[in-house]
């Protein structure tokens, strides 16, 4: 099992942050183009527990694959959790936390994940997946800086 943790400060109020992040369509805005990320269904409503969202992603050699996630828990203006139901990971549990502060919102991501294929999965993680996830979250940080923190 692996974990990726990120935190980022957003210069906005909790309502603005929540409005952006609780709209599943905004995920495409913060995902690099090279991922070939396209929402197929389930993103027509604001985040709610039980929401199932289907995507197509092309993380490797431009080969499209289906990815299905479910928002298993949502607490308005505080957090939501998405879990993979079908896709490239053996396990995917992504927690998004939002904490209002005097100066804005602290956003935290805690991603716990595991790859399939045992030892081969560990090798692929070390050679490719770990860095790819880092790049994706780095891109997300840059986009969110532009959207929320540039005056």
Foldseek 3Di string as FASTA:
>chain_A
DDKDKDKDFFQDFLVVVLVQVQQVVNVVVLFDVQQVWDWDDQRPDGDDAFGKTWIWTQLDPRDTDIWIKGFHDDDRSAKIWIWTPDDFFPTWIKIWGWDGDPRGIMIMIMIDTHGPDPPVRVVCCVVPVVVSVVVSVVSSNVSSCVVGPDD
